[in-house]
Amino acid sequence: MDNPTAASKDTPVGVRFRVASNSERLQTGIDKSGKAKYETKRWYEVTNTGDLAAESVTFEGQAASGFMRLLVDNQPITLEPEVSWKVPVLYSMGTAGTKLTVHWVENGENQSKTFDVQ
């Protein structure tokens, strides 16, 4: 018996994004007293989990307070299904309320979605 509310695997879902915040602490050298110096690299990993390619994808960052900068040249890209893209980001101390907006074209229509990120 078919359940009309359950999605079929054959039903197209279009473009869907998943955004994950990542960071890595890297040693950058040693100070005068012999202690290791570190910096933290941060990025968002944006994955197209849908079944259609997202075309003309660009990214926009916003912060309610503090400084947030995406380290991308903002040239449009195409994200095929199940493909991820790293978006490097820089924060200042005390940055809060950060959001990443993904803009793309799907079936000739402009789309966007905003994600809360940290």
PDB file of N, CA and C in Angstrom:
ATOM      1  N   MET A   1       0.840  -1.177   0.000  1.00  0.00           N
ATOM      2  CA  MET A   1       0.000   0.000   0.000  1.00  0.00           C
ATOM      3  C   MET A   1       0.883   1.237   0.000  1.00  0.00           C
ATOM      4  N   ASP A   2       0.616   2.166  -0.918  1.00  0.00           N
ATOM      5  CA  ASP A   2       1.409   3.391  -1.015  1.00  0.00           C
ATOM      6  C   ASP A   2       0.982   4.384   0.050  1.00  0.00           C
ATOM      7  N   ASN A   3       1.961   5.043   0.619  1.00  0.00           N
ATOM      8  CA  ASN A   3       1.707   6.096   1.588  1.00  0.00           C
ATOM      9  C   ASN A   3       1.926   7.427   0.870  1.00  0.00           C
ATOM     10  N   PRO A   4       0.890   8.218   0.616  1.00  0.00           N
ATOM     11  CA  PRO A   4       1.054   9.448  -0.164  1.00  0.00           C
ATOM     12  C   PRO A   4       1.909  10.512   0.520  1.00  0.00           C
ATOM     13  N   THR A   5       2.130  10.409   1.825  1.00  0.00           N
ATOM     14  CA  THR A   5       2.934  11.425   2.509  1.00  0.00           C
ATOM     15  C   THR A   5       4.414  11.082   2.505  1.00  0.00           C
ATOM     16  N   ALA A   6       4.765   9.844   2.219  1.00  0.00           N
ATOM     17  CA  ALA A   6       6.172   9.448   2.195  1.00  0.00           C
ATOM     18  C   ALA A   6       6.763   9.784   0.830  1.00  0.00           C
ATOM     19  N   ALA A   7       7.928  10.403   0.832  1.00  0.00           N
ATOM     20  CA  ALA A   7       8.589  10.771  -0.426  1.00  0.00           C
ATOM     21  C   ALA A   7       9.213   9.530  -1.052  1.00  0.00           C
ATOM     22  N   SER A   8       9.046   9.412  -2.333  1.00  0.00           N
ATOM     23  CA  SER A   8       9.630   8.303  -3.071  1.00  0.00           C
ATOM     24  C   SER A   8      11.063   8.654  -3.431  1.00  0.00           C
ATOM     25  N   LYS A   9      11.908   7.639  -3.586  1.00  0.00           N
ATOM     26  CA  LYS A   9      13.292   7.891  -3.996  1.00  0.00           C
ATOM     27  C   LYS A   9      13.342   8.433  -5.417  1.00  0.00           C
ATOM     28  N   ASP A  10      12.269   8.205  -6.202  1.00  0.00           N
ATOM     29  CA  ASP A  10      12.224   8.685  -7.569  1.00  0.00           C
ATOM     30  C   ASP A  10      11.732  10.130  -7.658  1.00  0.00           C
ATOM     31  N   THR A  11      11.195  10.676  -6.582  1.00  0.00           N
ATOM     32  CA  THR A  11      10.699  12.042  -6.586  1.00  0.00           C
ATOM     33  C   THR A  11      11.881  12.999  -6.486  1.00  0.00           C
ATOM     34  N   PRO A  12      12.058  13.890  -7.464  1.00  0.00           N
ATOM     35  CA  PRO A  12      13.181  14.829  -7.392  1.00  0.00           C
ATOM     36  C   PRO A  12      13.007  15.809  -6.228  1.00  0.00           C
ATOM     37  N   VAL A  13      14.107  16.125  -5.576  1.00  0.00           N
ATOM     38  CA  VAL A  13      14.062  17.066  -4.450  1.00  0.00           C
ATOM     39  C   VAL A  13      14.661  18.415  -4.820  1.00  0.00           C
ATOM     40  N   GLY A  14      15.362  18.485  -5.947  1.00  0.00           N
ATOM     41  CA  GLY A  14      15.986  19.740  -6.345  1.00  0.00           C
ATOM     42  C   GLY A  14      17.295  19.975  -5.619  1.00  0.00           C
ATOM     43  N   VAL A  15      17.642  21.236  -5.424  1.00  0.00           N
ATOM     44  CA  VAL A  15      18.868  21.618  -4.735  1.00  0.00           C
ATOM     45  C   VAL A  15      18.575  21.736  -3.249  1.00  0.00           C
ATOM     46  N   ARG A  16      19.403  21.115  -2.437  1.00  0.00           N
ATOM     47  CA  ARG A  16      19.331  21.259  -0.980  1.00  0.00           C
ATOM     48  C   ARG A  16      20.751  21.415  -0.470  1.00  0.00           C
ATOM     49  N   PHE A  17      20.911  22.285   0.508  1.00  0.00           N
ATOM     50  CA  PHE A  17      22.243  22.521   1.052  1.00  0.00           C
ATOM     51  C   PHE A  17      22.327  22.107   2.505  1.00  0.00           C
ATOM     52  N   ARG A  18      23.509  21.633   2.882  1.00  0.00           N
ATOM     53  CA  ARG A  18      23.857  21.396   4.279  1.00  0.00           C
ATOM     54  C   ARG A  18      25.121  22.215   4.521  1.00  0.00           C
ATOM     55  N   VAL A  19      25.150  22.944   5.638  1.00  0.00           N
ATOM     56  CA  VAL A  19      26.305  23.770   5.983  1.00  0.00           C
ATOM     57  C   VAL A  19      26.847  23.312   7.327  1.00  0.00           C
ATOM     58  N   ALA A  20      28.144  23.040   7.375  1.00  0.00           N
ATOM     59  CA  ALA A  20      28.810  22.630   8.614  1.00  0.00           C
ATOM     60  C   ALA A  20      29.957  23.592   8.896  1.00  0.00           C
ATOM     61  N   SER A  21      30.080  24.025  10.162  1.00  0.00           N
ATOM     62  CA  SER A  21      31.188  24.877  10.585  1.00  0.00           C
ATOM     63  C   SER A  21      32.351  23.980  10.999  1.00  0.00           C
ATOM     64  N   ASN A  22      33.540  24.306  10.520  1.00  0.00           N
ATOM     65  CA  ASN A  22      34.736  23.524  10.855  1.00  0.00           C
ATOM     66  C   ASN A  22      35.866  24.454  11.261  1.00  0.00           C
ATOM     67  N   SER A  23      36.797  23.910  12.043  1.00  0.00           N
ATOM     68  CA  SER A  23      37.989  24.671  12.412  1.00  0.00           C
ATOM     69  C   SER A  23      39.142  23.706  12.645  1.00  0.00           C
ATOM     70  N   GLU A  24      40.352  24.250  12.514  1.00  0.00           N
ATOM     71  CA  GLU A  24      41.557  23.465  12.729  1.00  0.00           C
ATOM     72  C   GLU A  24      42.609  24.366  13.352  1.00  0.00           C
ATOM     73  N   ARG A  25      43.220  23.915  14.418  1.00  0.00           N
ATOM     74  CA  ARG A  25      44.278  24.675  15.092  1.00  0.00           C
ATOM     75  C   ARG A  25      45.619  24.230  14.530  1.00  0.00           C
ATOM     76  N   LEU A  26      46.382  25.204  13.998  1.00  0.00           N
ATOM     77  CA  LEU A  26      47.658  24.915  13.366  1.00  0.00           C
ATOM     78  C   LEU A  26      48.795  25.635  14.073  1.00  0.00           C
ATOM     79  N   GLN A  27      49.892  24.933  14.256  1.00  0.00           N
ATOM     80  CA  GLN A  27      51.067  25.570  14.841  1.00  0.00           C
ATOM     81  C   GLN A  27      51.726  26.438  13.781  1.00  0.00           C
ATOM     82  N   THR A  28      52.002  27.699  14.150  1.00  0.00           N
ATOM     83  CA  THR A  28      52.584  28.640  13.190  1.00  0.00           C
ATOM     84  C   THR A  28      54.055  28.924  13.471  1.00  0.00           C
ATOM     85  N   GLY A  29      54.559  28.484  14.597  1.00  0.00           N
ATOM     86  CA  GLY A  29      55.952  28.736  14.936  1.00  0.00           C
ATOM     87  C   GLY A  29      56.171  28.611  16.422  1.00  0.00           C
ATOM     88  N   ILE A  30      57.295  29.165  16.858  1.00  0.00           N
ATOM     89  CA  ILE A  30      57.673  29.129  18.277  1.00  0.00           C
ATOM     90  C   ILE A  30      58.077  30.538  18.674  1.00  0.00           C
ATOM     91  N   ASP A  31      57.594  30.989  19.857  1.00  0.00           N
ATOM     92  CA  ASP A  31      57.947  32.335  20.311  1.00  0.00           C
ATOM     93  C   ASP A  31      59.324  32.336  20.964  1.00  0.00           C
ATOM     94  N   LYS A  32      59.752  33.513  21.452  1.00  0.00           N
ATOM     95  CA  LYS A  32      61.101  33.662  22.029  1.00  0.00           C
ATOM     96  C   LYS A  32      61.341  32.769  23.234  1.00  0.00           C
ATOM     97  N   SER A  33      60.286  32.477  23.986  1.00  0.00           N
ATOM     98  CA  SER A  33      60.459  31.656  25.182  1.00  0.00           C
ATOM     99  C   SER A  33      60.338  30.151  24.889  1.00  0.00           C
ATOM    100  N   GLY A  34      60.193  29.788  23.621  1.00  0.00           N
ATOM    101  CA  GLY A  34      60.152  28.381  23.245  1.00  0.00           C
ATOM    102  C   GLY A  34      58.765  27.766  23.230  1.00  0.00           C
ATOM    103  N   LYS A  35      57.732  28.589  23.450  1.00  0.00           N
ATOM    104  CA  LYS A  35      56.369  28.065  23.409  1.00  0.00           C
ATOM    105  C   LYS A  35      55.846  28.069  21.981  1.00  0.00           C
ATOM    106  N   ALA A  36      55.039  27.077  21.676  1.00  0.00           N
ATOM    107  CA  ALA A  36      54.442  26.996  20.344  1.00  0.00           C
ATOM    108  C   ALA A  36      53.398  28.094  20.171  1.00  0.00           C
ATOM    109  N   LYS A  37      53.372  28.686  18.971  1.00  0.00           N
ATOM    110  CA  LYS A  37      52.358  29.672  18.620  1.00  0.00           C
ATOM    111  C   LYS A  37      51.378  28.996  17.672  1.00  0.00           C
ATOM    112  N   TYR A  38      50.093  29.329  17.848  1.00  0.00           N
ATOM    113  CA  TYR A  38      49.047  28.680  17.057  1.00  0.00           C
ATOM    114  C   TYR A  38      48.140  29.715  16.411  1.00  0.00           C
ATOM    115  N   GLU A  39      47.482  29.294  15.345  1.00  0.00           N
ATOM    116  CA  GLU A  39      46.383  30.050  14.767  1.00  0.00           C
ATOM    117  C   GLU A  39      45.273  29.057  14.435  1.00  0.00           C
ATOM    118  N   THR A  40      44.061  29.562  14.417  1.00  0.00           N
ATOM    119  CA  THR A  40      42.920  28.705  14.118  1.00  0.00           C
ATOM    120  C   THR A  40      42.355  29.081  12.756  1.00  0.00           C
ATOM    121  N   LYS A  41      42.288  28.111  11.871  1.00  0.00           N
ATOM    122  CA  LYS A  41      41.667  28.290  10.552  1.00  0.00           C
ATOM    123  C   LYS A  41      40.217  27.835  10.677  1.00  0.00           C
ATOM    124  N   ARG A  42      39.302  28.635  10.152  1.00  0.00           N
ATOM    125  CA  ARG A  42      37.871  28.302  10.197  1.00  0.00           C
ATOM    126  C   ARG A  42      37.301  28.320   8.787  1.00  0.00           C
ATOM    127  N   TRP A  43      36.331  27.442   8.563  1.00  0.00           N
ATOM    128  CA  TRP A  43      35.658  27.415   7.276  1.00  0.00           C
ATOM    129  C   TRP A  43      34.285  26.781   7.420  1.00  0.00           C
ATOM    130  N   TYR A  44      33.443  27.067   6.439  1.00  0.00           N
ATOM    131  CA  TYR A  44      32.138  26.424   6.333  1.00  0.00           C
ATOM    132  C   TYR A  44      32.235  25.424   5.192  1.00  0.00           C
ATOM    133  N   GLU A  45      31.709  24.250   5.415  1.00  0.00           N
ATOM    134  CA  GLU A  45      31.654  23.255   4.349  1.00  0.00           C
ATOM    135  C   GLU A  45      30.209  23.191   3.869  1.00  0.00           C
ATOM    136  N   VAL A  46      30.002  23.642   2.641  1.00  0.00           N
ATOM    137  CA  VAL A  46      28.667  23.716   2.042  1.00  0.00           C
ATOM    138  C   VAL A  46      28.529  22.533   1.085  1.00  0.00           C
ATOM    139  N   THR A  47      27.524  21.684   1.325  1.00  0.00           N
ATOM    140  CA  THR A  47      27.309  20.488   0.512  1.00  0.00           C
ATOM    141  C   THR A  47      25.934  20.545  -0.135  1.00  0.00           C
ATOM    142  N   ASN A  48      25.894  20.249  -1.422  1.00  0.00           N
ATOM    143  CA  ASN A  48      24.625  20.125  -2.132  1.00  0.00           C
ATOM    144  C   ASN A  48      24.142  18.692  -1.904  1.00  0.00           C
ATOM    145  N   THR A  49      23.144  18.520  -1.040  1.00  0.00           N
ATOM    146  CA  THR A  49      22.615  17.193  -0.731  1.00  0.00           C
ATOM    147  C   THR A  49      21.417  16.832  -1.600  1.00  0.00           C
ATOM    148  N   GLY A  50      21.073  17.707  -2.542  1.00  0.00           N
ATOM    149  CA  GLY A  50      19.937  17.459  -3.417  1.00  0.00           C
ATOM    150  C   GLY A  50      20.312  16.602  -4.605  1.00  0.00           C
ATOM    151  N   ASP A  51      19.428  16.590  -5.601  1.00  0.00           N
ATOM    152  CA  ASP A  51      19.669  15.779  -6.788  1.00  0.00           C
ATOM    153  C   ASP A  51      19.804  16.604  -8.066  1.00  0.00           C
ATOM    154  N   LEU A  52      19.870  17.931  -7.938  1.00  0.00           N
ATOM    155  CA  LEU A  52      20.107  18.818  -9.078  1.00  0.00           C
ATOM    156  C   LEU A  52      21.346  19.666  -8.807  1.00  0.00           C
ATOM    157  N   ALA A  53      22.030  20.049  -9.878  1.00  0.00           N
ATOM    158  CA  ALA A  53      23.174  20.949  -9.734  1.00  0.00           C
ATOM    159  C   ALA A  53      22.684  22.341  -9.363  1.00  0.00           C
ATOM    160  N   ALA A  54      23.389  22.975  -8.439  1.00  0.00           N
ATOM    161  CA  ALA A  54      23.122  24.370  -8.082  1.00  0.00           C
ATOM    162  C   ALA A  54      24.075  25.221  -8.917  1.00  0.00           C
ATOM    163  N   GLU A  55      23.542  26.092  -9.729  1.00  0.00           N
ATOM    164  CA  GLU A  55      24.359  26.908 -10.625  1.00  0.00           C
ATOM    165  C   GLU A  55      24.491  28.327 -10.097  1.00  0.00           C
ATOM    166  N   SER A  56      25.566  28.982 -10.502  1.00  0.00           N
ATOM    167  CA  SER A  56      25.841  30.377 -10.123  1.00  0.00           C
ATOM    168  C   SER A  56      25.777  30.565  -8.610  1.00  0.00           C
ATOM    169  N   VAL A  57      26.407  29.666  -7.874  1.00  0.00           N
ATOM    170  CA  VAL A  57      26.392  29.707  -6.407  1.00  0.00           C
ATOM    171  C   VAL A  57      27.364  30.773  -5.915  1.00  0.00           C
ATOM    172  N   THR A  58      26.882  31.641  -5.025  1.00  0.00           N
ATOM    173  CA  THR A  58      27.726  32.628  -4.340  1.00  0.00           C
ATOM    174  C   THR A  58      27.385  32.596  -2.859  1.00  0.00           C
ATOM    175  N   PHE A  59      28.262  33.167  -2.049  1.00  0.00           N
ATOM    176  CA  PHE A  59      28.105  33.138  -0.599  1.00  0.00           C
ATOM    177  C   PHE A  59      28.181  34.549  -0.044  1.00  0.00           C
ATOM    178  N   GLU A  60      27.424  34.780   1.025  1.00  0.00           N
ATOM    179  CA  GLU A  60      27.395  36.085   1.691  1.00  0.00           C
ATOM    180  C   GLU A  60      27.380  35.838   3.200  1.00  0.00           C
ATOM    181  N   GLY A  61      28.248  36.526   3.925  1.00  0.00           N
ATOM    182  CA  GLY A  61      28.301  36.383   5.379  1.00  0.00           C
ATOM    183  C   GLY A  61      27.779  37.626   6.076  1.00  0.00           C
ATOM    184  N   GLN A  62      27.136  37.411   7.230  1.00  0.00           N
ATOM    185  CA  GLN A  62      26.621  38.520   8.032  1.00  0.00           C
ATOM    186  C   GLN A  62      26.883  38.208   9.498  1.00  0.00           C
ATOM    187  N   ALA A  63      27.111  39.249  10.280  1.00  0.00           N
ATOM    188  CA  ALA A  63      27.270  39.111  11.726  1.00  0.00           C
ATOM    189  C   ALA A  63      26.476  40.208  12.411  1.00  0.00           C
ATOM    190  N   ALA A  64      25.750  39.836  13.485  1.00  0.00           N
ATOM    191  CA  ALA A  64      24.978  40.825  14.241  1.00  0.00           C
ATOM    192  C   ALA A  64      25.900  41.791  14.968  1.00  0.00           C
ATOM    193  N   SER A  65      27.043  41.274  15.434  1.00  0.00           N
ATOM    194  CA  SER A  65      28.046  42.138  16.077  1.00  0.00           C
ATOM    195  C   SER A  65      29.422  41.569  15.789  1.00  0.00           C
ATOM    196  N   GLY A  66      30.416  42.446  15.795  1.00  0.00           N
ATOM    197  CA  GLY A  66      31.782  42.015  15.503  1.00  0.00           C
ATOM    198  C   GLY A  66      32.050  42.000  14.013  1.00  0.00           C
ATOM    199  N   PHE A  67      33.112  41.308  13.647  1.00  0.00           N
ATOM    200  CA  PHE A  67      33.578  41.287  12.260  1.00  0.00           C
ATOM    201  C   PHE A  67      33.603  39.850  11.752  1.00  0.00           C
ATOM    202  N   MET A  68      33.043  39.647  10.568  1.00  0.00           N
ATOM    203  CA  MET A  68      33.057  38.350   9.904  1.00  0.00           C
ATOM    204  C   MET A  68      33.337  38.590   8.433  1.00  0.00           C
ATOM    205  N   ARG A  69      34.338  37.878   7.893  1.00  0.00           N
ATOM    206  CA  ARG A  69      34.676  38.055   6.483  1.00  0.00           C
ATOM    207  C   ARG A  69      34.869  36.696   5.828  1.00  0.00           C
ATOM    208  N   LEU A  70      34.182  36.490   4.716  1.00  0.00           N
ATOM    209  CA  LEU A  70      34.386  35.284   3.926  1.00  0.00           C
ATOM    210  C   LEU A  70      35.590  35.506   3.028  1.00  0.00           C
ATOM    211  N   LEU A  71      36.494  34.533   2.993  1.00  0.00           N
ATOM    212  CA  LEU A  71      37.727  34.664   2.215  1.00  0.00           C
ATOM    213  C   LEU A  71      37.561  33.988   0.855  1.00  0.00           C
ATOM    214  N   VAL A  72      36.588  34.461   0.101  1.00  0.00           N
ATOM    215  CA  VAL A  72      36.305  33.939  -1.239  1.00  0.00           C
ATOM    216  C   VAL A  72      36.279  35.104  -2.211  1.00  0.00           C
ATOM    217  N   ASP A  73      36.535  34.813  -3.483  1.00  0.00           N
ATOM    218  CA  ASP A  73      36.512  35.885  -4.482  1.00  0.00           C
ATOM    219  C   ASP A  73      35.105  36.140  -5.019  1.00  0.00           C
ATOM    220  N   ASN A  74      34.141  35.349  -4.580  1.00  0.00           N
ATOM    221  CA  ASN A  74      32.725  35.483  -4.913  1.00  0.00           C
ATOM    222  C   ASN A  74      32.432  35.329  -6.403  1.00  0.00           C
ATOM    223  N   GLN A  75      33.297  34.586  -7.104  1.00  0.00           N
ATOM    224  CA  GLN A  75      32.988  34.191  -8.473  1.00  0.00           C
ATOM    225  C   GLN A  75      31.982  33.050  -8.404  1.00  0.00           C
ATOM    226  N   PRO A  76      30.910  33.092  -9.179  1.00  0.00           N
ATOM    227  CA  PRO A  76      29.907  32.027  -9.127  1.00  0.00           C
ATOM    228  C   PRO A  76      30.498  30.667  -9.472  1.00  0.00           C
ATOM    229  N   ILE A  77      30.039  29.648  -8.757  1.00  0.00           N
ATOM    230  CA  ILE A  77      30.475  28.278  -8.995  1.00  0.00           C
ATOM    231  C   ILE A  77      29.242  27.409  -9.235  1.00  0.00           C
ATOM    232  N   THR A  78      29.463  26.193  -9.684  1.00  0.00           N
ATOM    233  CA  THR A  78      28.400  25.202  -9.821  1.00  0.00           C
ATOM    234  C   THR A  78      28.688  24.085  -8.836  1.00  0.00           C
ATOM    235  N   LEU A  79      27.693  23.751  -8.017  1.00  0.00           N
ATOM    236  CA  LEU A  79      27.838  22.642  -7.069  1.00  0.00           C
ATOM    237  C   LEU A  79      26.945  21.501  -7.540  1.00  0.00           C
ATOM    238  N   GLU A  80      27.589  20.445  -7.997  1.00  0.00           N
ATOM    239  CA  GLU A  80      26.870  19.253  -8.425  1.00  0.00           C
ATOM    240  C   GLU A  80      26.316  18.526  -7.193  1.00  0.00           C
ATOM    241  N   PRO A  81      25.352  17.633  -7.369  1.00  0.00           N
ATOM    242  CA  PRO A  81      24.825  16.867  -6.230  1.00  0.00           C
ATOM    243  C   PRO A  81      25.942  16.101  -5.506  1.00  0.00           C
ATOM    244  N   GLU A  82      25.889  16.120  -4.187  1.00  0.00           N
ATOM    245  CA  GLU A  82      26.838  15.438  -3.288  1.00  0.00           C
ATOM    246  C   GLU A  82      28.252  16.017  -3.341  1.00  0.00           C
ATOM    247  N   VAL A  83      28.409  17.234  -3.834  1.00  0.00           N
ATOM    248  CA  VAL A  83      29.707  17.903  -3.867  1.00  0.00           C
ATOM    249  C   VAL A  83      29.746  18.956  -2.771  1.00  0.00           C
ATOM    250  N   SER A  84      30.917  19.062  -2.106  1.00  0.00           N
ATOM    251  CA  SER A  84      31.113  20.049  -1.033  1.00  0.00           C
ATOM    252  C   SER A  84      32.065  21.133  -1.495  1.00  0.00           C
ATOM    253  N   TRP A  85      31.916  22.309  -0.886  1.00  0.00           N
ATOM    254  CA  TRP A  85      32.775  23.455  -1.184  1.00  0.00           C
ATOM    255  C   TRP A  85      33.171  24.091   0.139  1.00  0.00           C
ATOM    256  N   LYS A  86      34.475  24.330   0.324  1.00  0.00           N
ATOM    257  CA  LYS A  86      34.952  24.984   1.547  1.00  0.00           C
ATOM    258  C   LYS A  86      34.919  26.496   1.352  1.00  0.00           C
ATOM    259  N   VAL A  87      34.340  27.191   2.336  1.00  0.00           N
ATOM    260  CA  VAL A  87      34.268  28.651   2.333  1.00  0.00           C
ATOM    261  C   VAL A  87      35.041  29.142   3.548  1.00  0.00           C
ATOM    262  N   PRO A  88      36.307  29.566   3.374  1.00  0.00           N
ATOM    263  CA  PRO A  88      37.098  30.050   4.508  1.00  0.00           C
ATOM    264  C   PRO A  88      36.487  31.325   5.091  1.00  0.00           C
ATOM    265  N   VAL A  89      36.580  31.451   6.429  1.00  0.00           N
ATOM    266  CA  VAL A  89      35.982  32.601   7.101  1.00  0.00           C
ATOM    267  C   VAL A  89      36.933  33.118   8.177  1.00  0.00           C
ATOM    268  N   LEU A  90      36.899  34.424   8.398  1.00  0.00           N
ATOM    269  CA  LEU A  90      37.680  35.084   9.449  1.00  0.00           C
ATOM    270  C   LEU A  90      36.728  35.791  10.395  1.00  0.00           C
ATOM    271  N   TYR A  91      36.954  35.635  11.703  1.00  0.00           N
ATOM    272  CA  TYR A  91      36.156  36.310  12.730  1.00  0.00           C
ATOM    273  C   TYR A  91      37.061  37.190  13.575  1.00  0.00           C
ATOM    274  N   SER A  92      36.486  38.275  14.112  1.00  0.00           N
ATOM    275  CA  SER A  92      37.181  39.026  15.153  1.00  0.00           C
ATOM    276  C   SER A  92      36.684  38.514  16.504  1.00  0.00           C
ATOM    277  N   MET A  93      37.362  38.894  17.566  1.00  0.00           N
ATOM    278  CA  MET A  93      36.927  38.518  18.914  1.00  0.00           C
ATOM    279  C   MET A  93      35.546  39.132  19.165  1.00  0.00           C
ATOM    280  N   GLY A  94      34.680  38.388  19.807  1.00  0.00           N
ATOM    281  CA  GLY A  94      33.367  38.900  20.177  1.00  0.00           C
ATOM    282  C   GLY A  94      32.346  38.916  19.061  1.00  0.00           C
ATOM    283  N   THR A  95      32.624  38.234  17.970  1.00  0.00           N
ATOM    284  CA  THR A  95      31.647  38.186  16.876  1.00  0.00           C
ATOM    285  C   THR A  95      30.489  37.281  17.285  1.00  0.00           C
ATOM    286  N   ALA A  96      29.270  37.734  17.034  1.00  0.00           N
ATOM    287  CA  ALA A  96      28.077  36.964  17.411  1.00  0.00           C
ATOM    288  C   ALA A  96      27.015  37.103  16.331  1.00  0.00           C
ATOM    289  N   GLY A  97      26.058  36.189  16.347  1.00  0.00           N
ATOM    290  CA  GLY A  97      24.937  36.238  15.416  1.00  0.00           C
ATOM    291  C   GLY A  97      25.349  36.050  13.977  1.00  0.00           C
ATOM    292  N   THR A  98      26.239  35.086  13.718  1.00  0.00           N
ATOM    293  CA  THR A  98      26.765  34.898  12.372  1.00  0.00           C
ATOM    294  C   THR A  98      25.816  34.059  11.518  1.00  0.00           C
ATOM    295  N   LYS A  99      25.709  34.473  10.256  1.00  0.00           N
ATOM    296  CA  LYS A  99      24.842  33.793   9.295  1.00  0.00           C
ATOM    297  C   LYS A  99      25.573  33.690   7.963  1.00  0.00           C
ATOM    298  N   LEU A 100      25.323  32.597   7.261  1.00  0.00           N
ATOM    299  CA  LEU A 100      25.844  32.403   5.915  1.00  0.00           C
ATOM    300  C   LEU A 100      24.653  32.270   4.980  1.00  0.00           C
ATOM    301  N   THR A 101      24.616  33.135   3.957  1.00  0.00           N
ATOM    302  CA  THR A 101      23.561  33.052   2.958  1.00  0.00           C
ATOM    303  C   THR A 101      24.156  32.476   1.682  1.00  0.00           C
ATOM    304  N   VAL A 102      23.498  31.440   1.160  1.00  0.00           N
ATOM    305  CA  VAL A 102      23.894  30.813  -0.095  1.00  0.00           C
ATOM    306  C   VAL A 102      22.893  31.263  -1.160  1.00  0.00           C
ATOM    307  N   HIS A 103      23.415  31.827  -2.242  1.00  0.00           N
ATOM    308  CA  HIS A 103      22.592  32.246  -3.382  1.00  0.00           C
ATOM    309  C   HIS A 103      22.902  31.307  -4.539  1.00  0.00           C
ATOM    310  N   TRP A 104      21.876  30.894  -5.288  1.00  0.00           N
ATOM    311  CA  TRP A 104      22.096  30.014  -6.425  1.00  0.00           C
ATOM    312  C   TRP A 104      20.952  30.146  -7.421  1.00  0.00           C
ATOM    313  N   VAL A 105      21.148  29.533  -8.589  1.00  0.00           N
ATOM    314  CA  VAL A 105      20.117  29.481  -9.622  1.00  0.00           C
ATOM    315  C   VAL A 105      19.716  28.014  -9.784  1.00  0.00           C
ATOM    316  N   GLU A 106      18.404  27.778  -9.725  1.00  0.00           N
ATOM    317  CA  GLU A 106      17.857  26.428  -9.881  1.00  0.00           C
ATOM    318  C   GLU A 106      16.714  26.495 -10.888  1.00  0.00           C
ATOM    319  N   ASN A 107      16.837  25.751 -11.967  1.00  0.00           N
ATOM    320  CA  ASN A 107      15.823  25.754 -13.033  1.00  0.00           C
ATOM    321  C   ASN A 107      15.525  27.171 -13.532  1.00  0.00           C
ATOM    322  N   GLY A 108      16.563  27.983 -13.645  1.00  0.00           N
ATOM    323  CA  GLY A 108      16.405  29.337 -14.161  1.00  0.00           C
ATOM    324  C   GLY A 108      15.890  30.366 -13.165  1.00  0.00           C
ATOM    325  N   GLU A 109      15.621  29.956 -11.921  1.00  0.00           N
ATOM    326  CA  GLU A 109      15.110  30.881 -10.899  1.00  0.00           C
ATOM    327  C   GLU A 109      16.170  31.155  -9.834  1.00  0.00           C
ATOM    328  N   ASN A 110      16.287  32.425  -9.439  1.00  0.00           N
ATOM    329  CA  ASN A 110      17.202  32.794  -8.354  1.00  0.00           C
ATOM    330  C   ASN A 110      16.648  32.287  -7.026  1.00  0.00           C
ATOM    331  N   GLN A 111      17.513  31.670  -6.245  1.00  0.00           N
ATOM    332  CA  GLN A 111      17.146  31.127  -4.942  1.00  0.00           C
ATOM    333  C   GLN A 111      18.181  31.587  -3.910  1.00  0.00           C
ATOM    334  N   SER A 112      17.794  31.567  -2.644  1.00  0.00           N
ATOM    335  CA  SER A 112      18.761  31.821  -1.567  1.00  0.00           C
ATOM    336  C   SER A 112      18.248  31.184  -0.288  1.00  0.00           C
ATOM    337  N   LYS A 113      19.182  30.839   0.574  1.00  0.00           N
ATOM    338  CA  LYS A 113      18.838  30.300   1.878  1.00  0.00           C
ATOM    339  C   LYS A 113      19.895  30.768   2.867  1.00  0.00           C
ATOM    340  N   THR A 114      19.431  31.160   4.067  1.00  0.00           N
ATOM    341  CA  THR A 114      20.343  31.651   5.104  1.00  0.00           C
ATOM    342  C   THR A 114      20.440  30.611   6.217  1.00  0.00           C
ATOM    343  N   PHE A 115      21.676  30.345   6.641  1.00  0.00           N
ATOM    344  CA  PHE A 115      21.962  29.378   7.683  1.00  0.00           C
ATOM    345  C   PHE A 115      22.592  30.086   8.882  1.00  0.00           C
ATOM    346  N   ASP A 116      22.166  29.734  10.104  1.00  0.00           N
ATOM    347  CA  ASP A 116      22.860  30.190  11.310  1.00  0.00           C
ATOM    348  C   ASP A 116      24.109  29.344  11.442  1.00  0.00           C
ATOM    349  N   VAL A 117      25.247  30.000  11.606  1.00  0.00           N
ATOM    350  CA  VAL A 117      26.523  29.303  11.721  1.00  0.00           C
ATOM    351  C   VAL A 117      27.289  29.837  12.916  1.00  0.00           C
ATOM    352  N   GLN A 118      28.306  29.115  13.317  1.00  0.00           N
ATOM    353  CA  GLN A 118      29.139  29.588  14.441  1.00  0.00           C
ATOM    354  C   GLN A 118      30.600  29.398  14.141  1.00  0.00           C
TER     355      GLN A 118
END
